[in-house]
Structures are given as structure tokens and as C-alpha cells.
Amino acid sequence: MCRGRGRSFPTRLDAHRYLVTTLWSGAAAHAHYAAGHLPALRERAAPGADLHSVTGHLLPLETAWRVLPQR
């Protein structure tokens, strides 16, 4: 993973719902992506024709729950 870049983990919840989680190195890295790259990607993808809604939530990572050692 490139420094600051997020990773995506999609999960199908049912026939019409998906949960996509992303992991970022920090809030600043995500903010940079959201402001600098996401608008152009959304425009190219044209999700309005296929999606009913998109929502987002920020969940902090509980470091005590990590299974793998921190790199």
C-alpha cells in the first residue's frame, strides 16, 4: 500500500446493499483523497444512474484489537 493511500474492502450485505470499508493512514490522507481525487472519480463513474444513495461514516481503529503487528 502506498503511504497515505486507502485500501477498500467491499462486502455484499444483500441483493441491493453493499458495505465498503476503507483503511487510511490518517484523517489527513483521507481528506486529501476526498478533496483531490474523489470528485473526478465520481464524475467518471456517474454513480447516479446506478446508486440510490451513498453514505459515509468515520470509525476510529481500535489499536488494541489489531491481530497483525503494526508495520
PDB file of N, CA and C in Angstrom:
ATOM      1  N   MET A   1       0.850  -1.171   0.000  1.00  0.00           N
ATOM      2  CA  MET A   1       0.000   0.000   0.000  1.00  0.00           C
ATOM      3  C   MET A   1       0.887   1.221   0.000  1.00  0.00           C
ATOM      4  N   CYS A   2       0.586   2.178  -0.848  1.00  0.00           N
ATOM      5  CA  CYS A   2       1.321   3.432  -0.875  1.00  0.00           C
ATOM      6  C   CYS A   2       1.026   4.230   0.381  1.00  0.00           C
ATOM      7  N   ARG A   3       1.986   4.948   0.836  1.00  0.00           N
ATOM      8  CA  ARG A   3       1.819   5.748   2.043  1.00  0.00           C
ATOM      9  C   ARG A   3       0.658   6.715   1.873  1.00  0.00           C
ATOM     10  N   GLY A   4      -0.272   6.698   2.804  1.00  0.00           N
ATOM     11  CA  GLY A   4      -1.412   7.610   2.759  1.00  0.00           C
ATOM     12  C   GLY A   4      -2.592   7.090   1.958  1.00  0.00           C
ATOM     13  N   ARG A   5      -2.376   6.136   1.095  1.00  0.00           N
ATOM     14  CA  ARG A   5      -3.454   5.617   0.264  1.00  0.00           C
ATOM     15  C   ARG A   5      -4.355   4.707   1.073  1.00  0.00           C
ATOM     16  N   GLY A   6      -5.633   4.715   0.738  1.00  0.00           N
ATOM     17  CA  GLY A   6      -6.571   3.832   1.416  1.00  0.00           C
ATOM     18  C   GLY A   6      -6.685   2.501   0.706  1.00  0.00           C
ATOM     19  N   ARG A   7      -7.170   1.515   1.435  1.00  0.00           N
ATOM     20  CA  ARG A   7      -7.486   0.210   0.863  1.00  0.00           C
ATOM     21  C   ARG A   7      -8.976   0.012   1.011  1.00  0.00           C
ATOM     22  N   SER A   8      -9.584  -0.655   0.051  1.00  0.00           N
ATOM     23  CA  SER A   8     -11.029  -0.841   0.044  1.00  0.00           C
ATOM     24  C   SER A   8     -11.372  -2.307   0.258  1.00  0.00           C
ATOM     25  N   PHE A   9     -12.442  -2.549   1.043  1.00  0.00           N
ATOM     26  CA  PHE A   9     -12.878  -3.901   1.353  1.00  0.00           C
ATOM     27  C   PHE A   9     -14.395  -3.981   1.172  1.00  0.00           C
ATOM     28  N   PRO A  10     -14.888  -4.309  -0.042  1.00  0.00           N
ATOM     29  CA  PRO A  10     -16.335  -4.388  -0.254  1.00  0.00           C
ATOM     30  C   PRO A  10     -16.937  -5.682   0.290  1.00  0.00           C
ATOM     31  N   THR A  11     -18.160  -5.593   0.789  1.00  0.00           N
ATOM     32  CA  THR A  11     -18.894  -6.746   1.300  1.00  0.00           C
ATOM     33  C   THR A  11     -20.349  -6.622   0.846  1.00  0.00           C
ATOM     34  N   ARG A  12     -20.899  -7.676   0.296  1.00  0.00           N
ATOM     35  CA  ARG A  12     -22.297  -7.655  -0.126  1.00  0.00           C
ATOM     36  C   ARG A  12     -23.175  -8.006   1.069  1.00  0.00           C
ATOM     37  N   LEU A  13     -24.081  -7.107   1.427  1.00  0.00           N
ATOM     38  CA  LEU A  13     -24.967  -7.334   2.565  1.00  0.00           C
ATOM     39  C   LEU A  13     -26.226  -8.089   2.163  1.00  0.00           C
ATOM     40  N   ASP A  14     -26.800  -7.749   1.032  1.00  0.00           N
ATOM     41  CA  ASP A  14     -27.931  -8.474   0.466  1.00  0.00           C
ATOM     42  C   ASP A  14     -27.988  -8.126  -1.018  1.00  0.00           C
ATOM     43  N   ALA A  15     -29.080  -8.431  -1.674  1.00  0.00           N
ATOM     44  CA  ALA A  15     -29.148  -8.268  -3.123  1.00  0.00           C
ATOM     45  C   ALA A  15     -28.893  -6.835  -3.601  1.00  0.00           C
ATOM     46  N   HIS A  16     -29.197  -5.840  -2.782  1.00  0.00           N
ATOM     47  CA  HIS A  16     -29.091  -4.457  -3.236  1.00  0.00           C
ATOM     48  C   HIS A  16     -28.289  -3.563  -2.298  1.00  0.00           C
ATOM     49  N   ARG A  17     -27.575  -4.136  -1.358  1.00  0.00           N
ATOM     50  CA  ARG A  17     -26.816  -3.331  -0.395  1.00  0.00           C
ATOM     51  C   ARG A  17     -25.393  -3.847  -0.287  1.00  0.00           C
ATOM     52  N   TYR A  18     -24.465  -2.916  -0.253  1.00  0.00           N
ATOM     53  CA  TYR A  18     -23.053  -3.250  -0.076  1.00  0.00           C
ATOM     54  C   TYR A  18     -22.467  -2.372   1.007  1.00  0.00           C
ATOM     55  N   LEU A  19     -21.515  -2.906   1.710  1.00  0.00           N
ATOM     56  CA  LEU A  19     -20.738  -2.157   2.691  1.00  0.00           C
ATOM     57  C   LEU A  19     -19.311  -2.125   2.171  1.00  0.00           C
ATOM     58  N   VAL A  20     -18.776  -0.929   1.996  1.00  0.00           N
ATOM     59  CA  VAL A  20     -17.398  -0.784   1.548  1.00  0.00           C
ATOM     60  C   VAL A  20     -16.640  -0.059   2.645  1.00  0.00           C
ATOM     61  N   THR A  21     -15.617  -0.695   3.150  1.00  0.00           N
ATOM     62  CA  THR A  21     -14.794  -0.074   4.175  1.00  0.00           C
ATOM     63  C   THR A  21     -13.439   0.270   3.576  1.00  0.00           C
ATOM     64  N   THR A  22     -12.878   1.354   4.019  1.00  0.00           N
ATOM     65  CA  THR A  22     -11.550   1.746   3.574  1.00  0.00           C
ATOM     66  C   THR A  22     -10.686   2.007   4.791  1.00  0.00           C
ATOM     67  N   LEU A  23      -9.423   1.768   4.644  1.00  0.00           N
ATOM     68  CA  LEU A  23      -8.472   1.966   5.727  1.00  0.00           C
ATOM     69  C   LEU A  23      -7.443   2.992   5.265  1.00  0.00           C
ATOM     70  N   TRP A  24      -7.290   4.061   6.025  1.00  0.00           N
ATOM     71  CA  TRP A  24      -6.382   5.152   5.682  1.00  0.00           C
ATOM     72  C   TRP A  24      -5.318   5.294   6.760  1.00  0.00           C
ATOM     73  N   SER A  25      -4.182   5.818   6.371  1.00  0.00           N
ATOM     74  CA  SER A  25      -3.094   6.021   7.336  1.00  0.00           C
ATOM     75  C   SER A  25      -3.426   7.134   8.315  1.00  0.00           C
ATOM     76  N   GLY A  26      -4.399   7.969   7.996  1.00  0.00           N
ATOM     77  CA  GLY A  26      -4.814   9.031   8.897  1.00  0.00           C
ATOM     78  C   GLY A  26      -5.892   9.890   8.257  1.00  0.00           C
ATOM     79  N   ALA A  27      -6.467  10.781   9.066  1.00  0.00           N
ATOM     80  CA  ALA A  27      -7.546  11.647   8.583  1.00  0.00           C
ATOM     81  C   ALA A  27      -7.058  12.580   7.485  1.00  0.00           C
ATOM     82  N   ALA A  28      -5.824  13.065   7.572  1.00  0.00           N
ATOM     83  CA  ALA A  28      -5.290  13.984   6.560  1.00  0.00           C
ATOM     84  C   ALA A  28      -5.162  13.286   5.205  1.00  0.00           C
ATOM     85  N   ALA A  29      -4.740  12.019   5.203  1.00  0.00           N
ATOM     86  CA  ALA A  29      -4.617  11.271   3.950  1.00  0.00           C
ATOM     87  C   ALA A  29      -5.988  11.089   3.302  1.00  0.00           C
ATOM     88  N   HIS A  30      -6.993  10.782   4.104  1.00  0.00           N
ATOM     89  CA  HIS A  30      -8.344  10.630   3.569  1.00  0.00           C
ATOM     90  C   HIS A  30      -8.884  11.956   3.059  1.00  0.00           C
ATOM     91  N   ALA A  31      -8.670  13.026   3.788  1.00  0.00           N
ATOM     92  CA  ALA A  31      -9.144  14.350   3.363  1.00  0.00           C
ATOM     93  C   ALA A  31      -8.491  14.756   2.043  1.00  0.00           C
ATOM     94  N   HIS A  32      -7.211  14.466   1.884  1.00  0.00           N
ATOM     95  CA  HIS A  32      -6.510  14.774   0.636  1.00  0.00           C
ATOM     96  C   HIS A  32      -7.134  14.004  -0.533  1.00  0.00           C
ATOM     97  N   TYR A  33      -7.412  12.729  -0.334  1.00  0.00           N
ATOM     98  CA  TYR A  33      -8.057  11.907  -1.360  1.00  0.00           C
ATOM     99  C   TYR A  33      -9.451  12.431  -1.676  1.00  0.00           C
ATOM    100  N   ALA A  34     -10.234  12.716  -0.637  1.00  0.00           N
ATOM    101  CA  ALA A  34     -11.620  13.154  -0.833  1.00  0.00           C
ATOM    102  C   ALA A  34     -11.692  14.484  -1.574  1.00  0.00           C
ATOM    103  N   ALA A  35     -10.750  15.375  -1.322  1.00  0.00           N
ATOM    104  CA  ALA A  35     -10.763  16.685  -1.973  1.00  0.00           C
ATOM    105  C   ALA A  35     -10.076  16.655  -3.339  1.00  0.00           C
ATOM    106  N   GLY A  36      -9.015  15.866  -3.471  1.00  0.00           N
ATOM    107  CA  GLY A  36      -8.218  15.925  -4.682  1.00  0.00           C
ATOM    108  C   GLY A  36      -8.526  14.893  -5.744  1.00  0.00           C
ATOM    109  N   HIS A  37      -9.033  13.733  -5.361  1.00  0.00           N
ATOM    110  CA  HIS A  37      -9.234  12.653  -6.324  1.00  0.00           C
ATOM    111  C   HIS A  37     -10.694  12.210  -6.458  1.00  0.00           C
ATOM    112  N   LEU A  38     -11.423  12.190  -5.372  1.00  0.00           N
ATOM    113  CA  LEU A  38     -12.781  11.650  -5.389  1.00  0.00           C
ATOM    114  C   LEU A  38     -13.740  12.382  -6.326  1.00  0.00           C
ATOM    115  N   PRO A  39     -13.739  13.711  -6.388  1.00  0.00           N
ATOM    116  CA  PRO A  39     -14.691  14.369  -7.302  1.00  0.00           C
ATOM    117  C   PRO A  39     -14.547  13.924  -8.759  1.00  0.00           C
ATOM    118  N   ALA A  40     -13.324  13.809  -9.247  1.00  0.00           N
ATOM    119  CA  ALA A  40     -13.113  13.387 -10.633  1.00  0.00           C
ATOM    120  C   ALA A  40     -13.522  11.925 -10.831  1.00  0.00           C
ATOM    121  N   LEU A  41     -13.239  11.086  -9.841  1.00  0.00           N
ATOM    122  CA  LEU A  41     -13.633   9.679  -9.934  1.00  0.00           C
ATOM    123  C   LEU A  41     -15.147   9.523  -9.952  1.00  0.00           C
ATOM    124  N   ARG A  42     -15.838  10.294  -9.103  1.00  0.00           N
ATOM    125  CA  ARG A  42     -17.313  10.230  -9.085  1.00  0.00           C
ATOM    126  C   ARG A  42     -17.884  10.683 -10.418  1.00  0.00           C
ATOM    127  N   GLU A  43     -17.304  11.727 -10.995  1.00  0.00           N
ATOM    128  CA  GLU A  43     -17.795  12.227 -12.278  1.00  0.00           C
ATOM    129  C   GLU A  43     -17.613  11.176 -13.374  1.00  0.00           C
ATOM    130  N   ARG A  44     -16.469  10.535 -13.402  1.00  0.00           N
ATOM    131  CA  ARG A  44     -16.207   9.493 -14.404  1.00  0.00           C
ATOM    132  C   ARG A  44     -17.105   8.279 -14.207  1.00  0.00           C
ATOM    133  N   ALA A  45     -17.360   7.918 -12.957  1.00  0.00           N
ATOM    134  CA  ALA A  45     -18.165   6.724 -12.669  1.00  0.00           C
ATOM    135  C   ALA A  45     -19.651   6.961 -12.873  1.00  0.00           C
ATOM    136  N   ALA A  46     -20.104   8.209 -12.765  1.00  0.00           N
ATOM    137  CA  ALA A  46     -21.523   8.560 -12.907  1.00  0.00           C
ATOM    138  C   ALA A  46     -22.415   7.639 -12.064  1.00  0.00           C
ATOM    139  N   PRO A  47     -22.223   7.615 -10.744  1.00  0.00           N
ATOM    140  CA  PRO A  47     -22.972   6.669  -9.911  1.00  0.00           C
ATOM    141  C   PRO A  47     -24.460   6.954  -9.808  1.00  0.00           C
ATOM    142  N   GLY A  48     -24.902   8.144 -10.179  1.00  0.00           N
ATOM    143  CA  GLY A  48     -26.318   8.492 -10.053  1.00  0.00           C
ATOM    144  C   GLY A  48     -27.248   7.561 -10.800  1.00  0.00           C
ATOM    145  N   ALA A  49     -26.781   6.985 -11.893  1.00  0.00           N
ATOM    146  CA  ALA A  49     -27.620   6.079 -12.683  1.00  0.00           C
ATOM    147  C   ALA A  49     -27.775   4.713 -12.019  1.00  0.00           C
ATOM    148  N   ASP A  50     -26.868   4.374 -11.113  1.00  0.00           N
ATOM    149  CA  ASP A  50     -26.874   3.030 -10.535  1.00  0.00           C
ATOM    150  C   ASP A  50     -27.119   2.974  -9.034  1.00  0.00           C
ATOM    151  N   LEU A  51     -26.922   4.074  -8.345  1.00  0.00           N
ATOM    152  CA  LEU A  51     -26.999   4.066  -6.885  1.00  0.00           C
ATOM    153  C   LEU A  51     -28.185   4.854  -6.369  1.00  0.00           C
ATOM    154  N   HIS A  52     -28.828   4.309  -5.370  1.00  0.00           N
ATOM    155  CA  HIS A  52     -29.925   5.006  -4.708  1.00  0.00           C
ATOM    156  C   HIS A  52     -29.368   6.032  -3.731  1.00  0.00           C
ATOM    157  N   SER A  53     -28.361   5.630  -2.964  1.00  0.00           N
ATOM    158  CA  SER A  53     -27.743   6.550  -2.014  1.00  0.00           C
ATOM    159  C   SER A  53     -26.344   6.066  -1.653  1.00  0.00           C
ATOM    160  N   VAL A  54     -25.532   7.009  -1.200  1.00  0.00           N
ATOM    161  CA  VAL A  54     -24.193   6.717  -0.704  1.00  0.00           C
ATOM    162  C   VAL A  54     -24.041   7.483   0.603  1.00  0.00           C
ATOM    163  N   THR A  55     -23.638   6.795   1.639  1.00  0.00           N
ATOM    164  CA  THR A  55     -23.412   7.448   2.922  1.00  0.00           C
ATOM    165  C   THR A  55     -22.013   7.102   3.413  1.00  0.00           C
ATOM    166  N   GLY A  56     -21.526   7.870   4.343  1.00  0.00           N
ATOM    167  CA  GLY A  56     -20.198   7.609   4.869  1.00  0.00           C
ATOM    168  C   GLY A  56     -20.130   7.872   6.357  1.00  0.00           C
ATOM    169  N   HIS A  57     -19.285   7.132   7.021  1.00  0.00           N
ATOM    170  CA  HIS A  57     -19.082   7.277   8.456  1.00  0.00           C
ATOM    171  C   HIS A  57     -17.609   7.080   8.764  1.00  0.00           C
ATOM    172  N   LEU A  58     -17.120   7.807   9.724  1.00  0.00           N
ATOM    173  CA  LEU A  58     -15.745   7.650  10.169  1.00  0.00           C
ATOM    174  C   LEU A  58     -15.741   6.846  11.453  1.00  0.00           C
ATOM    175  N   LEU A  59     -15.042   5.737  11.429  1.00  0.00           N
ATOM    176  CA  LEU A  59     -14.916   4.885  12.610  1.00  0.00           C
ATOM    177  C   LEU A  59     -13.442   4.791  12.984  1.00  0.00           C
ATOM    178  N   PRO A  60     -13.087   5.134  14.196  1.00  0.00           N
ATOM    179  CA  PRO A  60     -11.678   5.026  14.586  1.00  0.00           C
ATOM    180  C   PRO A  60     -11.266   3.568  14.722  1.00  0.00           C
ATOM    181  N   LEU A  61     -10.022   3.295  14.389  1.00  0.00           N
ATOM    182  CA  LEU A  61      -9.484   1.949  14.508  1.00  0.00           C
ATOM    183  C   LEU A  61      -9.005   1.737  15.939  1.00  0.00           C
ATOM    184  N   GLU A  62      -9.516   0.714  16.572  1.00  0.00           N
ATOM    185  CA  GLU A  62      -9.106   0.400  17.946  1.00  0.00           C
ATOM    186  C   GLU A  62      -7.815  -0.406  17.869  1.00  0.00           C
ATOM    187  N   THR A  63      -6.707   0.230  18.191  1.00  0.00           N
ATOM    188  CA  THR A  63      -5.404  -0.417  18.030  1.00  0.00           C
ATOM    189  C   THR A  63      -5.257  -1.660  18.902  1.00  0.00           C
ATOM    190  N   ALA A  64      -5.946  -1.729  20.018  1.00  0.00           N
ATOM    191  CA  ALA A  64      -5.866  -2.909  20.888  1.00  0.00           C
ATOM    192  C   ALA A  64      -6.462  -4.153  20.223  1.00  0.00           C
ATOM    193  N   TRP A  65      -7.292  -3.973  19.202  1.00  0.00           N
ATOM    194  CA  TRP A  65      -7.927  -5.092  18.526  1.00  0.00           C
ATOM    195  C   TRP A  65      -7.109  -5.612  17.362  1.00  0.00           C
ATOM    196  N   ARG A  66      -5.984  -5.025  17.072  1.00  0.00           N
ATOM    197  CA  ARG A  66      -5.163  -5.444  15.930  1.00  0.00           C
ATOM    198  C   ARG A  66      -4.735  -6.900  16.092  1.00  0.00           C
ATOM    199  N   VAL A  67      -4.801  -7.649  15.008  1.00  0.00           N
ATOM    200  CA  VAL A  67      -4.369  -9.043  15.001  1.00  0.00           C
ATOM    201  C   VAL A  67      -2.941  -9.126  14.470  1.00  0.00           C
ATOM    202  N   LEU A  68      -2.647  -8.317  13.484  1.00  0.00           N
ATOM    203  CA  LEU A  68      -1.320  -8.303  12.875  1.00  0.00           C
ATOM    204  C   LEU A  68      -0.461  -7.208  13.519  1.00  0.00           C
ATOM    205  N   PRO A  69       0.835  -7.407  13.601  1.00  0.00           N
ATOM    206  CA  PRO A  69       1.691  -6.361  14.179  1.00  0.00           C
ATOM    207  C   PRO A  69       1.703  -5.126  13.277  1.00  0.00           C
ATOM    208  N   GLN A  70       1.832  -3.978  13.878  1.00  0.00           N
ATOM    209  CA  GLN A  70       1.885  -2.732  13.132  1.00  0.00           C
ATOM    210  C   GLN A  70       3.187  -2.666  12.339  1.00  0.00           C
ATOM    211  N   ARG A  71       3.110  -2.217  11.100  1.00  0.00           N
ATOM    212  CA  ARG A  71       4.302  -2.124  10.239  1.00  0.00           C
ATOM    213  C   ARG A  71       5.097  -0.891  10.565  1.00  0.00           C
TER     214      ARG A  71
END
